Structure formats: structure tokens, C-alpha cells
Amino acid sequence: MESNQIQMLTDAFEGHAQQTENGVEYWLARDLQQLLGYSEWRNFNQTAISKAKTACEVSSHAVSDHFVDVNKMVSLGSGAEREIEDIMLTR
């Protein structure tokens, strides 16, 4: 992978970072899903997120400290909104 492509991906990743009221940096998994090229939430959650949780456990970190289940509202084409599952992720 070329260095300019790596820099572009890093910038996109960092551009999606958010902060809690307490200043904790996090990303929403559905945002990262798109950045990483997964078209379906189910596939992303069952592969990448599942592996990341396992890596967290293996490195003796508490999964609950880095993967927080949340819900968010999204707009539908009809103008209505619907609640969907998401996950707050920290470094």
C-alpha cells in the first residue's frame, strides 16, 4: 500500500472521531463499516467487530470499556426516523 493511500485512510478514520462529554474519543462502528468497505452491518458486526472484541480480551482489556452498545436514530427516505443498533468504539 502506498504512503499517500495510507495517509488518506488515516485522515478519513481520524475525521470520523467523536468525543463524549467527558472528552473520551470514540468512533461509531457504522461509520467505520463504510470506511472499511462493508456493505452490510451484519457482516461487519460478525467479522470485524467480533475479531476486535476477541483481540481486546486476549490483550487483557475489558471489552465493555471499548465496545459500548448504543442506539441512534436515522432518517428514512419517507422523512420518518427509525432507531438502529450501533457500537461506540475507543482506541
C-alpha atoms as a PDB file:
ATOM      1  CA  MET A   1       0.000   0.000   0.000  1.00  0.00           C
ATOM      2  CA  GLU A   2       1.389   3.405  -0.921  1.00  0.00           C
ATOM      3  CA  SER A   3       2.078   6.002   1.748  1.00  0.00           C
ATOM      4  CA  ASN A   4      -0.367   8.527   0.248  1.00  0.00           C
ATOM      5  CA  GLN A   5      -3.150   5.918   0.346  1.00  0.00           C
ATOM      6  CA  ILE A   6      -2.315   5.115   3.977  1.00  0.00           C
ATOM      7  CA  GLN A   7      -2.415   8.826   4.830  1.00  0.00           C
ATOM      8  CA  MET A   8      -5.773   9.216   3.088  1.00  0.00           C
ATOM      9  CA  LEU A   9      -7.258   6.290   5.039  1.00  0.00           C
ATOM     10  CA  THR A  10      -5.801   7.583   8.317  1.00  0.00           C
ATOM     11  CA  ASP A  11      -7.268  11.036   7.688  1.00  0.00           C
ATOM     12  CA  ALA A  12     -10.687   9.530   6.902  1.00  0.00           C
ATOM     13  CA  PHE A  13     -10.557   7.421  10.066  1.00  0.00           C
ATOM     14  CA  GLU A  14      -9.498  10.335  12.278  1.00  0.00           C
ATOM     15  CA  GLY A  15     -12.107  12.553  10.619  1.00  0.00           C
ATOM     16  CA  HIS A  16     -14.869  10.322  11.989  1.00  0.00           C
ATOM     17  CA  ALA A  17     -13.645  10.527  15.594  1.00  0.00           C
ATOM     18  CA  GLN A  18     -16.074  11.996  18.114  1.00  0.00           C
ATOM     19  CA  GLN A  19     -15.821  12.841  21.813  1.00  0.00           C
ATOM     20  CA  THR A  20     -18.063  12.176  24.777  1.00  0.00           C
ATOM     21  CA  GLU A  21     -18.929  14.960  27.203  1.00  0.00           C
ATOM     22  CA  ASN A  22     -16.038  13.682  29.351  1.00  0.00           C
ATOM     23  CA  GLY A  23     -13.550  14.008  26.490  1.00  0.00           C
ATOM     24  CA  VAL A  24     -13.277  10.293  25.635  1.00  0.00           C
ATOM     25  CA  GLU A  25     -12.515   9.800  21.951  1.00  0.00           C
ATOM     26  CA  TYR A  26     -14.699   7.267  20.138  1.00  0.00           C
ATOM     27  CA  TRP A  27     -15.943   6.122  16.741  1.00  0.00           C
ATOM     28  CA  LEU A  28     -19.314   4.726  15.768  1.00  0.00           C
ATOM     29  CA  ALA A  29     -19.000   1.270  14.240  1.00  0.00           C
ATOM     30  CA  ARG A  30     -21.465   2.037  11.445  1.00  0.00           C
ATOM     31  CA  ASP A  31     -19.227   4.912  10.309  1.00  0.00           C
ATOM     32  CA  LEU A  32     -16.204   2.611  10.270  1.00  0.00           C
ATOM     33  CA  GLN A  33     -18.225  -0.040   8.460  1.00  0.00           C
ATOM     34  CA  GLN A  34     -18.476   2.246   5.452  1.00  0.00           C
ATOM     35  CA  LEU A  35     -14.810   3.313   5.637  1.00  0.00           C
ATOM     36  CA  LEU A  36     -13.706  -0.324   5.670  1.00  0.00           C
ATOM     37  CA  GLY A  37     -15.890  -1.269   2.724  1.00  0.00           C
ATOM     38  CA  TYR A  38     -18.502  -3.449   4.422  1.00  0.00           C
ATOM     39  CA  SER A  39     -21.894  -3.056   2.760  1.00  0.00           C
ATOM     40  CA  GLU A  40     -23.896  -4.922   5.415  1.00  0.00           C
ATOM     41  CA  TRP A  41     -23.942  -4.254   9.146  1.00  0.00           C
ATOM     42  CA  ARG A  42     -24.452  -7.935   9.954  1.00  0.00           C
ATOM     43  CA  ASN A  43     -21.276  -8.934   8.114  1.00  0.00           C
ATOM     44  CA  PHE A  44     -19.218  -6.160   9.705  1.00  0.00           C
ATOM     45  CA  ASN A  45     -20.505  -6.914  13.194  1.00  0.00           C
ATOM     46  CA  GLN A  46     -19.955 -10.669  12.878  1.00  0.00           C
ATOM     47  CA  THR A  47     -16.458 -10.422  11.393  1.00  0.00           C
ATOM     48  CA  ALA A  48     -14.508  -7.250  12.165  1.00  0.00           C
ATOM     49  CA  ILE A  49     -16.211  -6.306  15.437  1.00  0.00           C
ATOM     50  CA  SER A  50     -16.205  -9.873  16.714  1.00  0.00           C
ATOM     51  CA  LYS A  51     -12.479 -10.241  15.975  1.00  0.00           C
ATOM     52  CA  ALA A  52     -11.730  -6.874  17.571  1.00  0.00           C
ATOM     53  CA  LYS A  53     -13.558  -7.923  20.750  1.00  0.00           C
ATOM     54  CA  THR A  54     -11.545 -11.151  20.844  1.00  0.00           C
ATOM     55  CA  ALA A  55      -8.291  -9.200  20.403  1.00  0.00           C
ATOM     56  CA  CYS A  56      -9.364  -6.915  23.244  1.00  0.00           C
ATOM     57  CA  GLU A  57      -9.990  -9.891  25.546  1.00  0.00           C
ATOM     58  CA  VAL A  58      -6.711 -11.593  24.589  1.00  0.00           C
ATOM     59  CA  SER A  59      -4.788  -8.421  25.425  1.00  0.00           C
ATOM     60  CA  SER A  60      -6.409  -8.374  28.899  1.00  0.00           C
ATOM     61  CA  HIS A  61      -8.588  -5.318  28.272  1.00  0.00           C
ATOM     62  CA  ALA A  62     -12.220  -5.197  29.328  1.00  0.00           C
ATOM     63  CA  VAL A  63     -14.430  -5.412  26.227  1.00  0.00           C
ATOM     64  CA  SER A  64     -17.086  -3.317  27.975  1.00  0.00           C
ATOM     65  CA  ASP A  65     -14.581  -0.431  28.265  1.00  0.00           C
ATOM     66  CA  HIS A  66     -14.048  -0.252  24.499  1.00  0.00           C
ATOM     67  CA  PHE A  67     -17.279  -1.555  22.910  1.00  0.00           C
ATOM     68  CA  VAL A  68     -20.468   0.130  24.115  1.00  0.00           C
ATOM     69  CA  ASP A  69     -23.779  -0.822  22.519  1.00  0.00           C
ATOM     70  CA  VAL A  70     -25.816   2.266  21.615  1.00  0.00           C
ATOM     71  CA  ASN A  71     -28.866   3.106  19.531  1.00  0.00           C
ATOM     72  CA  LYS A  72     -29.214   6.030  17.182  1.00  0.00           C
ATOM     73  CA  MET A  73     -31.951   7.496  15.038  1.00  0.00           C
ATOM     74  CA  VAL A  74     -31.567   7.511  11.250  1.00  0.00           C
ATOM     75  CA  SER A  75     -33.717   9.235   8.665  1.00  0.00           C
ATOM     76  CA  LEU A  76     -35.676   7.126   6.215  1.00  0.00           C
ATOM     77  CA  GLY A  77     -36.482   8.142   2.669  1.00  0.00           C
ATOM     78  CA  SER A  78     -40.069   8.893   3.645  1.00  0.00           C
ATOM     79  CA  GLY A  79     -38.931  11.546   6.128  1.00  0.00           C
ATOM     80  CA  ALA A  80     -39.625   9.292   9.114  1.00  0.00           C
ATOM     81  CA  GLU A  81     -36.933   8.141  11.526  1.00  0.00           C
ATOM     82  CA  ARG A  82     -36.029   4.734  12.865  1.00  0.00           C
ATOM     83  CA  GLU A  83     -33.790   3.556  15.675  1.00  0.00           C
ATOM     84  CA  ILE A  84     -30.850   1.290  14.765  1.00  0.00           C
ATOM     85  CA  GLU A  85     -28.130  -0.502  16.722  1.00  0.00           C
ATOM     86  CA  ASP A  86     -24.587   0.848  16.724  1.00  0.00           C
ATOM     87  CA  ILE A  87     -21.445   0.439  18.813  1.00  0.00           C
ATOM     88  CA  MET A  88     -19.237   3.139  20.318  1.00  0.00           C
ATOM     89  CA  LEU A  89     -15.585   2.094  19.895  1.00  0.00           C
ATOM     90  CA  THR A  90     -12.499   3.515  21.577  1.00  0.00           C
ATOM     91  CA  ARG A  91      -8.851   3.053  20.721  1.00  0.00           C
END
